Amino acid sequence: MSELTHPPGADRAETDYERVQRSAEFQALRRRFRTFVFPMTGLFLAWYLVYVLLAAYATDFMSTRLAGNITVGLVFGLGQFVSTFVITMLYARWANTHQDPIADELRQRIEGRDL
């Protein structure tokens, strides 16, 4: 038989991992994860890119003093750290309420072989 009609390993049994990966519950879990993480990552990367571009091409703006030696660039730079912590807290809260309970239930079903 050719490999097109009989792929390698086709006669082996499906693993638990493969069965779980195909399950509707796991696919929904992945989809829910991606709908939160991808937009949040895109938003952060865009914010970081704006910061880098402003630092490189808008030096007059970034060197504008706000108070004493505090400049716009310094505030934006510190904003990078703040936004990282905020995103982390938002993700942790979201995962604890929306993702983890479903993942725990799925794990219990897998370990109990109910899938």
PDB file of N, CA and C in Angstrom:
ATOM      1  N   MET A   1       0.827  -1.192   0.000  1.00  0.00           N
ATOM      2  CA  MET A   1       0.000   0.000   0.000  1.00  0.00           C
ATOM      3  C   MET A   1       0.866   1.248   0.000  1.00  0.00           C
ATOM      4  N   SER A   2       0.417   2.293  -0.648  1.00  0.00           N
ATOM      5  CA  SER A   2       1.194   3.528  -0.676  1.00  0.00           C
ATOM      6  C   SER A   2       0.962   4.323   0.610  1.00  0.00           C
ATOM      7  N   GLU A   3       1.849   5.280   0.867  1.00  0.00           N
ATOM      8  CA  GLU A   3       1.722   6.094   2.070  1.00  0.00           C
ATOM      9  C   GLU A   3       0.500   6.997   2.016  1.00  0.00           C
ATOM     10  N   LEU A   4      -0.027   7.265   0.802  1.00  0.00           N
ATOM     11  CA  LEU A   4      -1.205   8.127   0.700  1.00  0.00           C
ATOM     12  C   LEU A   4      -2.453   7.412   1.200  1.00  0.00           C
ATOM     13  N   THR A   5      -2.538   6.125   0.953  1.00  0.00           N
ATOM     14  CA  THR A   5      -3.728   5.403   1.406  1.00  0.00           C
ATOM     15  C   THR A   5      -3.527   4.793   2.786  1.00  0.00           C
ATOM     16  N   HIS A   6      -2.290   4.622   3.195  1.00  0.00           N
ATOM     17  CA  HIS A   6      -1.998   4.032   4.493  1.00  0.00           C
ATOM     18  C   HIS A   6      -0.837   4.797   5.126  1.00  0.00           C
ATOM     19  N   PRO A   7      -1.126   5.941   5.769  1.00  0.00           N
ATOM     20  CA  PRO A   7      -0.045   6.754   6.334  1.00  0.00           C
ATOM     21  C   PRO A   7       0.679   6.003   7.443  1.00  0.00           C
ATOM     22  N   PRO A   8       1.938   6.332   7.661  1.00  0.00           N
ATOM     23  CA  PRO A   8       2.709   5.682   8.717  1.00  0.00           C
ATOM     24  C   PRO A   8       2.025   5.839  10.069  1.00  0.00           C
ATOM     25  N   GLY A   9       1.945   4.777  10.815  1.00  0.00           N
ATOM     26  CA  GLY A   9       1.351   4.833  12.141  1.00  0.00           C
ATOM     27  C   GLY A   9      -0.159   4.778  12.143  1.00  0.00           C
ATOM     28  N   ALA A  10      -0.784   4.569  10.987  1.00  0.00           N
ATOM     29  CA  ALA A  10      -2.241   4.559  10.935  1.00  0.00           C
ATOM     30  C   ALA A  10      -2.822   3.357  11.663  1.00  0.00           C
ATOM     31  N   ASP A  11      -2.048   2.289  11.781  1.00  0.00           N
ATOM     32  CA  ASP A  11      -2.560   1.099  12.440  1.00  0.00           C
ATOM     33  C   ASP A  11      -2.381   1.157  13.959  1.00  0.00           C
ATOM     34  N   ARG A  12      -1.753   2.200  14.462  1.00  0.00           N
ATOM     35  CA  ARG A  12      -1.574   2.315  15.904  1.00  0.00           C
ATOM     36  C   ARG A  12      -2.828   2.916  16.538  1.00  0.00           C
ATOM     37  N   ALA A  13      -2.983   2.670  17.809  1.00  0.00           N
ATOM     38  CA  ALA A  13      -4.131   3.209  18.535  1.00  0.00           C
ATOM     39  C   ALA A  13      -3.931   4.692  18.795  1.00  0.00           C
ATOM     40  N   GLU A  14      -5.033   5.417  18.845  1.00  0.00           N
ATOM     41  CA  GLU A  14      -4.976   6.849  19.129  1.00  0.00           C
ATOM     42  C   GLU A  14      -4.625   7.047  20.603  1.00  0.00           C
ATOM     43  N   THR A  15      -3.723   7.987  20.878  1.00  0.00           N
ATOM     44  CA  THR A  15      -3.328   8.254  22.265  1.00  0.00           C
ATOM     45  C   THR A  15      -4.397   9.097  22.957  1.00  0.00           C
ATOM     46  N   ASP A  16      -4.325   9.105  24.284  1.00  0.00           N
ATOM     47  CA  ASP A  16      -5.252   9.939  25.057  1.00  0.00           C
ATOM     48  C   ASP A  16      -5.091  11.401  24.670  1.00  0.00           C
ATOM     49  N   TYR A  17      -3.839  11.836  24.502  1.00  0.00           N
ATOM     50  CA  TYR A  17      -3.573  13.223  24.143  1.00  0.00           C
ATOM     51  C   TYR A  17      -4.229  13.572  22.814  1.00  0.00           C
ATOM     52  N   GLU A  18      -4.106  12.705  21.831  1.00  0.00           N
ATOM     53  CA  GLU A  18      -4.705  12.972  20.512  1.00  0.00           C
ATOM     54  C   GLU A  18      -6.228  13.025  20.597  1.00  0.00           C
ATOM     55  N   ARG A  19      -6.804  12.143  21.405  1.00  0.00           N
ATOM     56  CA  ARG A  19      -8.262  12.130  21.560  1.00  0.00           C
ATOM     57  C   ARG A  19      -8.730  13.419  22.240  1.00  0.00           C
ATOM     58  N   VAL A  20      -7.989  13.845  23.265  1.00  0.00           N
ATOM     59  CA  VAL A  20      -8.343  15.084  23.966  1.00  0.00           C
ATOM     60  C   VAL A  20      -8.184  16.276  23.031  1.00  0.00           C
ATOM     61  N   GLN A  21      -7.114  16.285  22.272  1.00  0.00           N
ATOM     62  CA  GLN A  21      -6.855  17.403  21.364  1.00  0.00           C
ATOM     63  C   GLN A  21      -7.965  17.553  20.331  1.00  0.00           C
ATOM     64  N   ARG A  22      -8.575  16.476  19.910  1.00  0.00           N
ATOM     65  CA  ARG A  22      -9.664  16.532  18.935  1.00  0.00           C
ATOM     66  C   ARG A  22     -11.008  16.877  19.573  1.00  0.00           C
ATOM     67  N   SER A  23     -11.099  16.778  20.900  1.00  0.00           N
ATOM     68  CA  SER A  23     -12.394  16.970  21.562  1.00  0.00           C
ATOM     69  C   SER A  23     -12.892  18.407  21.418  1.00  0.00           C
ATOM     70  N   ALA A  24     -14.194  18.540  21.400  1.00  0.00           N
ATOM     71  CA  ALA A  24     -14.827  19.863  21.284  1.00  0.00           C
ATOM     72  C   ALA A  24     -14.491  20.738  22.487  1.00  0.00           C
ATOM     73  N   GLU A  25     -14.406  20.131  23.674  1.00  0.00           N
ATOM     74  CA  GLU A  25     -14.106  20.889  24.883  1.00  0.00           C
ATOM     75  C   GLU A  25     -12.716  21.511  24.815  1.00  0.00           C
ATOM     76  N   PHE A  26     -11.741  20.737  24.354  1.00  0.00           N
ATOM     77  CA  PHE A  26     -10.378  21.249  24.251  1.00  0.00           C
ATOM     78  C   PHE A  26     -10.285  22.335  23.187  1.00  0.00           C
ATOM     79  N   GLN A  27     -10.947  22.132  22.071  1.00  0.00           N
ATOM     80  CA  GLN A  27     -10.943  23.141  21.011  1.00  0.00           C
ATOM     81  C   GLN A  27     -11.570  24.448  21.494  1.00  0.00           C
ATOM     82  N   ALA A  28     -12.653  24.340  22.272  1.00  0.00           N
ATOM     83  CA  ALA A  28     -13.289  25.544  22.825  1.00  0.00           C
ATOM     84  C   ALA A  28     -12.359  26.237  23.810  1.00  0.00           C
ATOM     85  N   LEU A  29     -11.636  25.446  24.600  1.00  0.00           N
ATOM     86  CA  LEU A  29     -10.669  26.006  25.552  1.00  0.00           C
ATOM     87  C   LEU A  29      -9.567  26.767  24.818  1.00  0.00           C
ATOM     88  N   ARG A  30      -9.040  26.186  23.759  1.00  0.00           N
ATOM     89  CA  ARG A  30      -8.005  26.859  22.962  1.00  0.00           C
ATOM     90  C   ARG A  30      -8.547  28.129  22.309  1.00  0.00           C
ATOM     91  N   ARG A  31      -9.759  28.050  21.777  1.00  0.00           N
ATOM     92  CA  ARG A  31     -10.357  29.215  21.123  1.00  0.00           C
ATOM     93  C   ARG A  31     -10.559  30.349  22.127  1.00  0.00           C
ATOM     94  N   ARG A  32     -11.040  30.017  23.318  1.00  0.00           N
ATOM     95  CA  ARG A  32     -11.251  31.023  24.357  1.00  0.00           C
ATOM     96  C   ARG A  32      -9.916  31.655  24.762  1.00  0.00           C
ATOM     97  N   PHE A  33      -8.875  30.839  24.887  1.00  0.00           N
ATOM     98  CA  PHE A  33      -7.545  31.347  25.227  1.00  0.00           C
ATOM     99  C   PHE A  33      -7.050  32.315  24.156  1.00  0.00           C
ATOM    100  N   ARG A  34      -7.182  31.925  22.908  1.00  0.00           N
ATOM    101  CA  ARG A  34      -6.698  32.758  21.804  1.00  0.00           C
ATOM    102  C   ARG A  34      -7.471  34.062  21.677  1.00  0.00           C
ATOM    103  N   THR A  35      -8.765  34.051  21.963  1.00  0.00           N
ATOM    104  CA  THR A  35      -9.538  35.289  21.841  1.00  0.00           C
ATOM    105  C   THR A  35      -9.136  36.315  22.895  1.00  0.00           C
ATOM    106  N   PHE A  36      -8.537  35.868  23.979  1.00  0.00           N
ATOM    107  CA  PHE A  36      -8.032  36.820  24.973  1.00  0.00           C
ATOM    108  C   PHE A  36      -6.581  37.185  24.698  1.00  0.00           C
ATOM    109  N   VAL A  37      -5.749  36.190  24.493  1.00  0.00           N
ATOM    110  CA  VAL A  37      -4.305  36.402  24.441  1.00  0.00           C
ATOM    111  C   VAL A  37      -3.853  37.111  23.165  1.00  0.00           C
ATOM    112  N   PHE A  38      -4.349  36.721  22.024  1.00  0.00           N
ATOM    113  CA  PHE A  38      -3.881  37.335  20.777  1.00  0.00           C
ATOM    114  C   PHE A  38      -4.176  38.830  20.712  1.00  0.00           C
ATOM    115  N   PRO A  39      -5.407  39.282  20.995  1.00  0.00           N
ATOM    116  CA  PRO A  39      -5.635  40.736  20.973  1.00  0.00           C
ATOM    117  C   PRO A  39      -4.814  41.482  22.025  1.00  0.00           C
ATOM    118  N   MET A  40      -4.676  40.895  23.211  1.00  0.00           N
ATOM    119  CA  MET A  40      -3.902  41.560  24.265  1.00  0.00           C
ATOM    120  C   MET A  40      -2.432  41.657  23.864  1.00  0.00           C
ATOM    121  N   THR A  41      -1.907  40.615  23.256  1.00  0.00           N
ATOM    122  CA  THR A  41      -0.515  40.639  22.793  1.00  0.00           C
ATOM    123  C   THR A  41      -0.342  41.679  21.696  1.00  0.00           C
ATOM    124  N   GLY A  42      -1.281  41.720  20.761  1.00  0.00           N
ATOM    125  CA  GLY A  42      -1.223  42.713  19.684  1.00  0.00           C
ATOM    126  C   GLY A  42      -1.268  44.130  20.220  1.00  0.00           C
ATOM    127  N   LEU A  43      -2.135  44.353  21.191  1.00  0.00           N
ATOM    128  CA  LEU A  43      -2.249  45.677  21.793  1.00  0.00           C
ATOM    129  C   LEU A  43      -0.940  46.083  22.475  1.00  0.00           C
ATOM    130  N   PHE A  44      -0.352  45.164  23.230  1.00  0.00           N
ATOM    131  CA  PHE A  44       0.897  45.488  23.902  1.00  0.00           C
ATOM    132  C   PHE A  44       2.022  45.735  22.900  1.00  0.00           C
ATOM    133  N   LEU A  45       2.125  44.904  21.871  1.00  0.00           N
ATOM    134  CA  LEU A  45       3.183  45.089  20.876  1.00  0.00           C
ATOM    135  C   LEU A  45       3.017  46.414  20.129  1.00  0.00           C
ATOM    136  N   ALA A  46       1.774  46.791  19.843  1.00  0.00           N
ATOM    137  CA  ALA A  46       1.530  48.076  19.180  1.00  0.00           C
ATOM    138  C   ALA A  46       1.956  49.228  20.094  1.00  0.00           C
ATOM    139  N   TRP A  47       1.607  49.139  21.374  1.00  0.00           N
ATOM    140  CA  TRP A  47       1.980  50.166  22.346  1.00  0.00           C
ATOM    141  C   TRP A  47       3.501  50.259  22.460  1.00  0.00           C
ATOM    142  N   TYR A  48       4.186  49.115  22.472  1.00  0.00           N
ATOM    143  CA  TYR A  48       5.643  49.096  22.544  1.00  0.00           C
ATOM    144  C   TYR A  48       6.249  49.691  21.270  1.00  0.00           C
ATOM    145  N   LEU A  49       5.707  49.348  20.115  1.00  0.00           N
ATOM    146  CA  LEU A  49       6.219  49.876  18.848  1.00  0.00           C
ATOM    147  C   LEU A  49       6.053  51.392  18.787  1.00  0.00           C
ATOM    148  N   VAL A  50       4.916  51.890  19.236  1.00  0.00           N
ATOM    149  CA  VAL A  50       4.704  53.344  19.274  1.00  0.00           C
ATOM    150  C   VAL A  50       5.753  54.002  20.167  1.00  0.00           C
ATOM    151  N   TYR A  51       6.021  53.393  21.308  1.00  0.00           N
ATOM    152  CA  TYR A  51       7.031  53.935  22.226  1.00  0.00           C
ATOM    153  C   TYR A  51       8.407  53.983  21.563  1.00  0.00           C
ATOM    154  N   VAL A  52       8.791  52.893  20.914  1.00  0.00           N
ATOM    155  CA  VAL A  52      10.101  52.841  20.250  1.00  0.00           C
ATOM    156  C   VAL A  52      10.173  53.857  19.114  1.00  0.00           C
ATOM    157  N   LEU A  53       9.117  53.940  18.308  1.00  0.00           N
ATOM    158  CA  LEU A  53       9.109  54.894  17.191  1.00  0.00           C
ATOM    159  C   LEU A  53       9.155  56.338  17.683  1.00  0.00           C
ATOM    160  N   LEU A  54       8.419  56.628  18.731  1.00  0.00           N
ATOM    161  CA  LEU A  54       8.470  57.982  19.295  1.00  0.00           C
ATOM    162  C   LEU A  54       9.858  58.298  19.835  1.00  0.00           C
ATOM    163  N   ALA A  55      10.466  57.317  20.502  1.00  0.00           N
ATOM    164  CA  ALA A  55      11.807  57.537  21.041  1.00  0.00           C
ATOM    165  C   ALA A  55      12.826  57.763  19.928  1.00  0.00           C
ATOM    166  N   ALA A  56      12.620  57.102  18.793  1.00  0.00           N
ATOM    167  CA  ALA A  56      13.585  57.210  17.692  1.00  0.00           C
ATOM    168  C   ALA A  56      13.340  58.438  16.822  1.00  0.00           C
ATOM    169  N   TYR A  57      12.073  58.786  16.586  1.00  0.00           N
ATOM    170  CA  TYR A  57      11.774  59.819  15.589  1.00  0.00           C
ATOM    171  C   TYR A  57      11.106  61.079  16.144  1.00  0.00           C
ATOM    172  N   ALA A  58      10.649  61.039  17.371  1.00  0.00           N
ATOM    173  CA  ALA A  58      10.008  62.222  17.955  1.00  0.00           C
ATOM    174  C   ALA A  58      10.763  62.615  19.226  1.00  0.00           C
ATOM    175  N   THR A  59      12.048  62.829  19.063  1.00  0.00           N
ATOM    176  CA  THR A  59      12.892  63.105  20.230  1.00  0.00           C
ATOM    177  C   THR A  59      12.508  64.410  20.933  1.00  0.00           C
ATOM    178  N   ASP A  60      12.073  65.388  20.169  1.00  0.00           N
ATOM    179  CA  ASP A  60      11.653  66.646  20.802  1.00  0.00           C
ATOM    180  C   ASP A  60      10.441  66.413  21.700  1.00  0.00           C
ATOM    181  N   PHE A  61       9.489  65.655  21.199  1.00  0.00           N
ATOM    182  CA  PHE A  61       8.286  65.348  21.991  1.00  0.00           C
ATOM    183  C   PHE A  61       8.657  64.529  23.227  1.00  0.00           C
ATOM    184  N   MET A  62       9.478  63.480  23.032  1.00  0.00           N
ATOM    185  CA  MET A  62       9.823  62.593  24.140  1.00  0.00           C
ATOM    186  C   MET A  62      10.690  63.296  25.189  1.00  0.00           C
ATOM    187  N   SER A  63      11.408  64.330  24.791  1.00  0.00           N
ATOM    188  CA  SER A  63      12.251  65.048  25.751  1.00  0.00           C
ATOM    189  C   SER A  63      11.527  66.229  26.394  1.00  0.00           C
ATOM    190  N   THR A  64      10.248  66.394  26.089  1.00  0.00           N
ATOM    191  CA  THR A  64       9.457  67.460  26.714  1.00  0.00           C
ATOM    192  C   THR A  64       9.381  67.221  28.220  1.00  0.00           C
ATOM    193  N   ARG A  65       9.762  68.234  28.969  1.00  0.00           N
ATOM    194  CA  ARG A  65       9.746  68.118  30.433  1.00  0.00           C
ATOM    195  C   ARG A  65       8.328  68.330  30.950  1.00  0.00           C
ATOM    196  N   LEU A  66       7.929  67.439  31.842  1.00  0.00           N
ATOM    197  CA  LEU A  66       6.607  67.549  32.455  1.00  0.00           C
ATOM    198  C   LEU A  66       6.702  68.203  33.831  1.00  0.00           C
ATOM    199  N   ALA A  67       7.708  67.795  34.582  1.00  0.00           N
ATOM    200  CA  ALA A  67       7.934  68.367  35.920  1.00  0.00           C
ATOM    201  C   ALA A  67       9.365  68.056  36.320  1.00  0.00           C
ATOM    202  N   GLY A  68      10.160  69.076  36.518  1.00  0.00           N
ATOM    203  CA  GLY A  68      11.560  68.870  36.896  1.00  0.00           C
ATOM    204  C   GLY A  68      12.298  68.098  35.807  1.00  0.00           C
ATOM    205  N   ASN A  69      12.878  66.973  36.173  1.00  0.00           N
ATOM    206  CA  ASN A  69      13.595  66.138  35.206  1.00  0.00           C
ATOM    207  C   ASN A  69      12.723  65.031  34.613  1.00  0.00           C
ATOM    208  N   ILE A  70      11.451  65.046  34.899  1.00  0.00           N
ATOM    209  CA  ILE A  70      10.515  64.031  34.383  1.00  0.00           C
ATOM    210  C   ILE A  70      10.093  64.435  32.969  1.00  0.00           C
ATOM    211  N   THR A  71      10.385  63.552  32.014  1.00  0.00           N
ATOM    212  CA  THR A  71      10.039  63.830  30.615  1.00  0.00           C
ATOM    213  C   THR A  71       8.931  62.898  30.142  1.00  0.00           C
ATOM    214  N   VAL A  72       8.372  63.226  29.001  1.00  0.00           N
ATOM    215  CA  VAL A  72       7.345  62.377  28.383  1.00  0.00           C
ATOM    216  C   VAL A  72       7.918  60.980  28.131  1.00  0.00           C
ATOM    217  N   GLY A  73       9.156  60.910  27.648  1.00  0.00           N
ATOM    218  CA  GLY A  73       9.789  59.618  27.375  1.00  0.00           C
ATOM    219  C   GLY A  73       9.921  58.767  28.621  1.00  0.00           C
ATOM    220  N   LEU A  74      10.272  59.388  29.734  1.00  0.00           N
ATOM    221  CA  LEU A  74      10.391  58.664  30.996  1.00  0.00           C
ATOM    222  C   LEU A  74       9.024  58.125  31.435  1.00  0.00           C
ATOM    223  N   VAL A  75       8.012  58.951  31.329  1.00  0.00           N
ATOM    224  CA  VAL A  75       6.661  58.521  31.708  1.00  0.00           C
ATOM    225  C   VAL A  75       6.193  57.378  30.803  1.00  0.00           C
ATOM    226  N   PHE A  76       6.430  57.503  29.499  1.00  0.00           N
ATOM    227  CA  PHE A  76       6.051  56.421  28.577  1.00  0.00           C
ATOM    228  C   PHE A  76       6.850  55.144  28.864  1.00  0.00           C
ATOM    229  N   GLY A  77       8.124  55.293  29.176  1.00  0.00           N
ATOM    230  CA  GLY A  77       8.962  54.133  29.507  1.00  0.00           C
ATOM    231  C   GLY A  77       8.466  53.422  30.756  1.00  0.00           C
ATOM    232  N   LEU A  78       8.152  54.183  31.775  1.00  0.00           N
ATOM    233  CA  LEU A  78       7.586  53.584  32.981  1.00  0.00           C
ATOM    234  C   LEU A  78       6.207  52.987  32.697  1.00  0.00           C
ATOM    235  N   GLY A  79       5.500  53.606  31.762  1.00  0.00           N
ATOM    236  CA  GLY A  79       4.202  53.064  31.342  1.00  0.00           C
ATOM    237  C   GLY A  79       4.312  51.674  30.738  1.00  0.00           C
ATOM    238  N   GLN A  80       5.461  51.372  30.136  1.00  0.00           N
ATOM    239  CA  GLN A  80       5.686  50.029  29.611  1.00  0.00           C
ATOM    240  C   GLN A  80       5.665  49.002  30.743  1.00  0.00           C
ATOM    241  N   PHE A  81       6.324  49.319  31.835  1.00  0.00           N
ATOM    242  CA  PHE A  81       6.328  48.413  32.985  1.00  0.00           C
ATOM    243  C   PHE A  81       4.935  48.287  33.584  1.00  0.00           C
ATOM    244  N   VAL A  82       4.281  49.418  33.742  1.00  0.00           N
ATOM    245  CA  VAL A  82       2.939  49.414  34.323  1.00  0.00           C
ATOM    246  C   VAL A  82       1.989  48.594  33.454  1.00  0.00           C
ATOM    247  N   SER A  83       2.052  48.788  32.143  1.00  0.00           N
ATOM    248  CA  SER A  83       1.141  48.051  31.259  1.00  0.00           C
ATOM    249  C   SER A  83       1.431  46.551  31.298  1.00  0.00           C
ATOM    250  N   THR A  84       2.687  46.167  31.465  1.00  0.00           N
ATOM    251  CA  THR A  84       3.022  44.748  31.585  1.00  0.00           C
ATOM    252  C   THR A  84       2.376  44.148  32.825  1.00  0.00           C
ATOM    253  N   PHE A  85       2.464  44.849  33.953  1.00  0.00           N
ATOM    254  CA  PHE A  85       1.850  44.349  35.179  1.00  0.00           C
ATOM    255  C   PHE A  85       0.321  44.329  35.071  1.00  0.00           C
ATOM    256  N   VAL A  86      -0.254  45.341  34.447  1.00  0.00           N
ATOM    257  CA  VAL A  86      -1.710  45.380  34.287  1.00  0.00           C
ATOM    258  C   VAL A  86      -2.181  44.222  33.414  1.00  0.00           C
ATOM    259  N   ILE A  87      -1.489  43.985  32.314  1.00  0.00           N
ATOM    260  CA  ILE A  87      -1.862  42.871  31.440  1.00  0.00           C
ATOM    261  C   ILE A  87      -1.742  41.549  32.189  1.00  0.00           C
ATOM    262  N   THR A  88      -0.696  41.394  32.968  1.00  0.00           N
ATOM    263  CA  THR A  88      -0.512  40.165  33.744  1.00  0.00           C
ATOM    264  C   THR A  88      -1.639  39.974  34.748  1.00  0.00           C
ATOM    265  N   MET A  89      -2.023  41.036  35.435  1.00  0.00           N
ATOM    266  CA  MET A  89      -3.125  40.939  36.393  1.00  0.00           C
ATOM    267  C   MET A  89      -4.447  40.643  35.696  1.00  0.00           C
ATOM    268  N   LEU A  90      -4.685  41.289  34.559  1.00  0.00           N
ATOM    269  CA  LEU A  90      -5.913  41.016  33.810  1.00  0.00           C
ATOM    270  C   LEU A  90      -5.970  39.575  33.340  1.00  0.00           C
ATOM    271  N   TYR A  91      -4.838  39.075  32.843  1.00  0.00           N
ATOM    272  CA  TYR A  91      -4.812  37.691  32.385  1.00  0.00           C
ATOM    273  C   TYR A  91      -5.038  36.725  33.544  1.00  0.00           C
ATOM    274  N   ALA A  92      -4.388  36.965  34.675  1.00  0.00           N
ATOM    275  CA  ALA A  92      -4.549  36.073  35.824  1.00  0.00           C
ATOM    276  C   ALA A  92      -6.000  36.051  36.284  1.00  0.00           C
ATOM    277  N   ARG A  93      -6.625  37.204  36.363  1.00  0.00           N
ATOM    278  CA  ARG A  93      -8.027  37.265  36.773  1.00  0.00           C
ATOM    279  C   ARG A  93      -8.917  36.568  35.753  1.00  0.00           C
ATOM    280  N   TRP A  94      -8.675  36.833  34.475  1.00  0.00           N
ATOM    281  CA  TRP A  94      -9.467  36.204  33.416  1.00  0.00           C
ATOM    282  C   TRP A  94      -9.289  34.687  33.429  1.00  0.00           C
ATOM    283  N   ALA A  95      -8.048  34.228  33.545  1.00  0.00           N
ATOM    284  CA  ALA A  95      -7.778  32.788  33.541  1.00  0.00           C
ATOM    285  C   ALA A  95      -8.427  32.115  34.751  1.00  0.00           C
ATOM    286  N   ASN A  96      -8.346  32.747  35.911  1.00  0.00           N
ATOM    287  CA  ASN A  96      -8.938  32.162  37.116  1.00  0.00           C
ATOM    288  C   ASN A  96     -10.444  32.023  37.020  1.00  0.00           C
ATOM    289  N   THR A  97     -11.087  32.949  36.338  1.00  0.00           N
ATOM    290  CA  THR A  97     -12.552  32.907  36.278  1.00  0.00           C
ATOM    291  C   THR A  97     -13.101  32.220  35.025  1.00  0.00           C
ATOM    292  N   HIS A  98     -12.399  32.311  33.903  1.00  0.00           N
ATOM    293  CA  HIS A  98     -12.949  31.793  32.648  1.00  0.00           C
ATOM    294  C   HIS A  98     -12.255  30.548  32.113  1.00  0.00           C
ATOM    295  N   GLN A  99     -10.977  30.434  32.322  1.00  0.00           N
ATOM    296  CA  GLN A  99     -10.210  29.364  31.684  1.00  0.00           C
ATOM    297  C   GLN A  99      -9.945  28.190  32.637  1.00  0.00           C
ATOM    298  N   ASP A 100      -9.461  28.487  33.811  1.00  0.00           N
ATOM    299  CA  ASP A 100      -9.040  27.429  34.729  1.00  0.00           C
ATOM    300  C   ASP A 100     -10.155  26.472  35.151  1.00  0.00           C
ATOM    301  N   PRO A 101     -11.363  26.960  35.464  1.00  0.00           N
ATOM    302  CA  PRO A 101     -12.403  26.004  35.857  1.00  0.00           C
ATOM    303  C   PRO A 101     -12.710  24.980  34.749  1.00  0.00           C
ATOM    304  N   ILE A 102     -12.728  25.433  33.520  1.00  0.00           N
ATOM    305  CA  ILE A 102     -13.008  24.532  32.406  1.00  0.00           C
ATOM    306  C   ILE A 102     -11.828  23.589  32.175  1.00  0.00           C
ATOM    307  N   ALA A 103     -10.613  24.115  32.289  1.00  0.00           N
ATOM    308  CA  ALA A 103      -9.424  23.275  32.137  1.00  0.00           C
ATOM    309  C   ALA A 103      -9.354  22.230  33.243  1.00  0.00           C
ATOM    310  N   ASP A 104      -9.700  22.602  34.470  1.00  0.00           N
ATOM    311  CA  ASP A 104      -9.695  21.644  35.576  1.00  0.00           C
ATOM    312  C   ASP A 104     -10.716  20.537  35.349  1.00  0.00           C
ATOM    313  N   GLU A 105     -11.889  20.918  34.896  1.00  0.00           N
ATOM    314  CA  GLU A 105     -12.923  19.921  34.612  1.00  0.00           C
ATOM    315  C   GLU A 105     -12.474  18.971  33.503  1.00  0.00           C
ATOM    316  N   LEU A 106     -11.883  19.516  32.471  1.00  0.00           N
ATOM    317  CA  LEU A 106     -11.387  18.691  31.366  1.00  0.00           C
ATOM    318  C   LEU A 106     -10.275  17.762  31.857  1.00  0.00           C
ATOM    319  N   ARG A 107      -9.375  18.263  32.683  1.00  0.00           N
ATOM    320  CA  ARG A 107      -8.293  17.433  33.207  1.00  0.00           C
ATOM    321  C   ARG A 107      -8.847  16.292  34.055  1.00  0.00           C
ATOM    322  N   GLN A 108      -9.849  16.574  34.877  1.00  0.00           N
ATOM    323  CA  GLN A 108     -10.454  15.533  35.695  1.00  0.00           C
ATOM    324  C   GLN A 108     -11.106  14.463  34.824  1.00  0.00           C
ATOM    325  N   ARG A 109     -11.744  14.902  33.759  1.00  0.00           N
ATOM    326  CA  ARG A 109     -12.364  13.940  32.846  1.00  0.00           C
ATOM    327  C   ARG A 109     -11.317  13.093  32.148  1.00  0.00           C
ATOM    328  N   ILE A 110     -10.198  13.711  31.789  1.00  0.00           N
ATOM    329  CA  ILE A 110      -9.119  12.977  31.109  1.00  0.00           C
ATOM    330  C   ILE A 110      -8.503  11.958  32.070  1.00  0.00           C
ATOM    331  N   GLU A 111      -8.215  12.400  33.273  1.00  0.00           N
ATOM    332  CA  GLU A 111      -7.599  11.499  34.241  1.00  0.00           C
ATOM    333  C   GLU A 111      -8.541  10.381  34.641  1.00  0.00           C
ATOM    334  N   GLY A 112      -9.833  10.662  34.596  1.00  0.00           N
ATOM    335  CA  GLY A 112     -10.839   9.643  34.881  1.00  0.00           C
ATOM    336  C   GLY A 112     -11.192   8.831  33.651  1.00  0.00           C
ATOM    337  N   ARG A 113     -10.585   9.204  32.508  1.00  0.00           N
ATOM    338  CA  ARG A 113     -10.786   8.496  31.223  1.00  0.00           C
ATOM    339  C   ARG A 113     -12.248   8.531  30.770  1.00  0.00           C
ATOM    340  N   ASP A 114     -12.929   9.659  31.066  1.00  0.00           N
ATOM    341  CA  ASP A 114     -14.324   9.804  30.639  1.00  0.00           C
ATOM    342  C   ASP A 114     -14.463  10.371  29.247  1.00  0.00           C
ATOM    343  N   LEU A 115     -13.371  10.742  28.633  1.00  0.00           N
ATOM    344  CA  LEU A 115     -13.444  11.367  27.321  1.00  0.00           C
ATOM    345  C   LEU A 115     -13.618  10.357  26.225  1.00  0.00           C
TER     346      LEU A 115
END
